[in-house]
Amino acid sequence: MSDDFTLLDPDDPEVISGAVQVWSILQGRATTINEAALTFNVQPTILRAAINDHPWMGVNDQDVIWHEGTCD
């Protein structure tokens, strides 16, 4: 029996924040809320809420996404 990953809800904050976490780290540079919102085709407010609920990410006062343990 194979896993059916189509059951993932793309509007689920955990799905969004997990995807943004991987994407943002792999950019190799600082990324912003607006850049991620354009990349993932979601509203910045939805993205900000998902990131703020994530245990290892946040957004600074310049809308740059930070990751725990990085220098950004």
Foldseek 3Di string as FASTA:
>chain_A
DDDDPVPDDCLDLVNLQVVCVVVQVVVVDWDFLVRSCVVSVHDSVSNQVSQVPDPFWHADPVRTIDGPPDPD
